[in-house]
């Protein structure tokens, strides 16, 4: 009988420790919360290699170490605990961009927009627009940034 009571006390004690650890862990979440943003860009062509090259340059320009997947579908960028990824779907003429940052002073939406802008500038029409410059706004540029 004493053995059963001892086991029950151990179980209750473990549960209390687990509950306390969970509460403390949850209290720390806002301090380490991540910010995630996504966007997509409509590509001018189905050329997968061009999409990968543009994405790799844009991710590196944002200060990330780059790595292209073996299947030449994605660019992965790492900067400390932060990640910036581009998925090229050339056959569908789409580049999807994802940014994940932990530093509250670093806005993931700005990173995503910088990469999306690199694609838009790369495929902007040259000359012939009413603004007189070479390029300008690309109305087929794709979707805006979504922050979570």
Protein backbone atom coordinates (compact mmCIF):
# COMPACT_ATOMS: atom_id res chain seq x y z
CA UNK A 1 0.00 0.00 0.00
CA UNK A 2 2.82 2.35 0.90
CA UNK A 3 4.48 1.60 -2.46
CA UNK A 4 1.35 2.64 -4.42
CA UNK A 5 1.04 5.91 -2.49
CA UNK A 6 4.70 6.64 -3.13
CA UNK A 7 4.25 6.08 -6.88
CA UNK A 8 1.22 8.39 -6.93
CA UNK A 9 3.20 11.11 -5.15
CA UNK A 10 6.04 10.69 -7.66
CA UNK A 11 3.58 10.99 -10.54
CA UNK A 12 2.01 14.14 -9.06
CA UNK A 13 5.45 15.61 -8.41
CA UNK A 14 6.56 14.89 -11.99
CA UNK A 15 3.37 16.42 -13.33
CA UNK A 16 3.93 19.59 -11.26
CA UNK A 17 7.51 19.86 -12.53
CA UNK A 18 6.35 19.31 -16.11
CA UNK A 19 3.57 21.92 -15.73
CA UNK A 20 6.00 24.44 -14.25
CA UNK A 21 8.55 23.84 -17.01
CA UNK A 22 5.83 24.19 -19.65
CA UNK A 23 4.61 27.49 -18.17
CA UNK A 24 8.14 28.88 -17.99
CA UNK A 25 8.78 27.77 -21.56
CA UNK A 26 5.60 29.42 -22.78
CA UNK A 27 6.48 32.63 -20.96
CA UNK A 28 9.76 32.74 -22.86
CA UNK A 29 8.11 32.32 -26.28
CA UNK A 30 7.36 35.99 -27.00
CA UNK A 31 11.02 36.84 -26.46
CA UNK A 32 12.12 34.29 -29.04
CA UNK A 33 9.15 34.46 -31.39
CA UNK A 34 9.95 34.15 -35.06
CA UNK A 35 8.58 36.30 -37.84
CA UNK A 36 7.73 34.58 -41.12
CA UNK A 37 6.87 36.24 -44.44
CA UNK A 38 6.08 34.80 -47.85
CA UNK A 39 5.56 36.15 -51.35
CA UNK A 40 5.53 34.92 -54.91
CA UNK A 41 6.65 36.41 -58.20
CA UNK A 42 5.27 35.69 -61.66
CA UNK A 43 8.26 34.87 -63.88
CA UNK A 44 8.59 36.10 -67.47
CA UNK A 45 9.89 32.74 -68.73
CA UNK A 46 9.98 29.07 -67.83
CA UNK A 47 13.81 29.03 -67.66
CA UNK A 48 14.60 27.24 -64.38
CA UNK A 49 18.32 28.12 -64.50
CA UNK A 50 17.55 31.86 -64.81
CA UNK A 51 15.19 31.63 -61.85
CA UNK A 52 17.81 29.87 -59.72
CA UNK A 53 20.58 32.31 -60.73
CA UNK A 54 18.44 35.37 -59.95
CA UNK A 55 17.35 33.93 -56.61
CA UNK A 56 20.87 32.96 -55.62
CA UNK A 57 22.18 36.49 -56.36
CA UNK A 58 19.28 38.11 -54.47
CA UNK A 59 19.64 35.89 -51.39
CA UNK A 60 23.42 36.50 -51.29
CA UNK A 61 22.86 40.26 -51.72
CA UNK A 62 20.64 40.17 -48.61
CA UNK A 63 23.66 38.91 -46.65
CA UNK A 64 22.84 35.20 -46.53
CA UNK A 65 25.13 32.23 -47.23
CA UNK A 66 23.53 30.44 -50.18
CA UNK A 67 23.15 26.82 -51.15
CA UNK A 68 21.27 25.53 -54.20
CA UNK A 69 19.44 22.22 -53.85
CA UNK A 70 20.75 19.27 -55.85
CA UNK A 71 17.56 19.14 -57.90
CA UNK A 72 18.03 22.85 -58.82
CA UNK A 73 14.57 23.70 -57.51
CA UNK A 74 15.40 25.77 -54.41
CA UNK A 75 17.88 28.27 -53.01
CA UNK A 76 18.48 28.10 -49.27
CA UNK A 77 20.02 31.06 -47.47
CA UNK A 78 21.31 31.01 -43.89
CA UNK A 79 22.42 33.87 -41.66
CA UNK A 80 22.77 32.69 -38.08
CA UNK A 81 19.34 31.40 -37.02
CA UNK A 82 17.58 33.15 -39.90
CA UNK A 83 16.54 31.51 -43.16
CA UNK A 84 15.62 32.86 -46.58
CA UNK A 85 14.39 30.36 -49.18
CA UNK A 86 13.34 30.66 -52.81
CA UNK A 87 11.50 27.85 -54.56
CA UNK A 88 11.64 28.11 -58.36
CA UNK A 89 8.84 26.46 -60.30
CA UNK A 90 9.94 27.41 -63.80
CA UNK A 91 7.37 25.28 -65.60
CA UNK A 92 4.64 27.26 -63.83
CA UNK A 93 6.53 30.59 -64.12
CA UNK A 94 6.51 31.13 -60.36
CA UNK A 95 9.13 31.84 -57.71
CA UNK A 96 7.94 31.47 -54.10
CA UNK A 97 9.93 33.30 -51.43
CA UNK A 98 9.98 32.50 -47.70
CA UNK A 99 11.82 34.32 -44.89
CA UNK A 100 12.08 33.27 -41.26
CA UNK A 101 13.80 35.58 -38.77
CA UNK A 102 14.12 35.53 -34.99
CA UNK A 103 15.49 39.01 -34.36
CA UNK A 104 12.57 41.38 -33.76
CA UNK A 105 14.53 44.27 -35.28
CA UNK A 106 14.92 42.36 -38.54
CA UNK A 107 11.73 42.45 -40.61
CA UNK A 108 11.15 39.30 -42.65
CA UNK A 109 8.82 41.21 -45.00
CA UNK A 110 11.68 43.48 -46.08
CA UNK A 111 13.85 40.46 -46.90
CA UNK A 112 11.09 38.84 -48.96
CA UNK A 113 10.36 42.09 -50.78
CA UNK A 114 14.06 42.61 -51.61
CA UNK A 115 14.25 39.17 -53.24
CA UNK A 116 10.93 39.66 -55.06
CA UNK A 117 12.16 43.03 -56.33
CA UNK A 118 15.29 41.38 -57.74
CA UNK A 119 13.06 39.18 -59.89
CA UNK A 120 10.87 42.11 -60.94
CA UNK A 121 13.85 44.28 -61.94
CA UNK A 122 15.45 41.37 -63.82
CA UNK A 123 12.40 40.87 -66.01
CA UNK A 124 11.15 44.46 -66.30
CA UNK A 125 10.59 45.64 -69.87
CA UNK A 126 13.37 47.84 -71.26
CA UNK A 127 12.44 51.25 -72.67
CA UNK A 128 9.17 52.19 -74.32
CA UNK A 129 7.33 52.95 -71.12
CA UNK A 130 5.69 56.30 -70.41
CA UNK A 131 8.08 57.12 -67.58
CA UNK A 132 10.95 57.37 -70.07
CA UNK A 133 13.27 55.07 -68.15
CA UNK A 134 14.45 51.60 -68.86
CA UNK A 135 12.22 49.34 -66.84
CA UNK A 136 9.84 50.46 -64.20
CA UNK A 137 6.84 48.82 -62.67
CA UNK A 138 5.99 45.34 -63.79
CA UNK A 139 2.26 44.79 -63.49
CA UNK A 140 2.71 41.04 -63.73
CA UNK A 141 5.10 41.09 -60.78
CA UNK A 142 3.21 38.65 -58.60
CA UNK A 143 1.74 38.58 -55.15
CA UNK A 144 2.49 40.82 -52.26
CA UNK A 145 4.20 39.92 -49.01
CA UNK A 146 2.24 37.96 -46.41
CA UNK A 147 3.48 38.26 -42.81
CA UNK A 148 2.63 35.73 -40.11
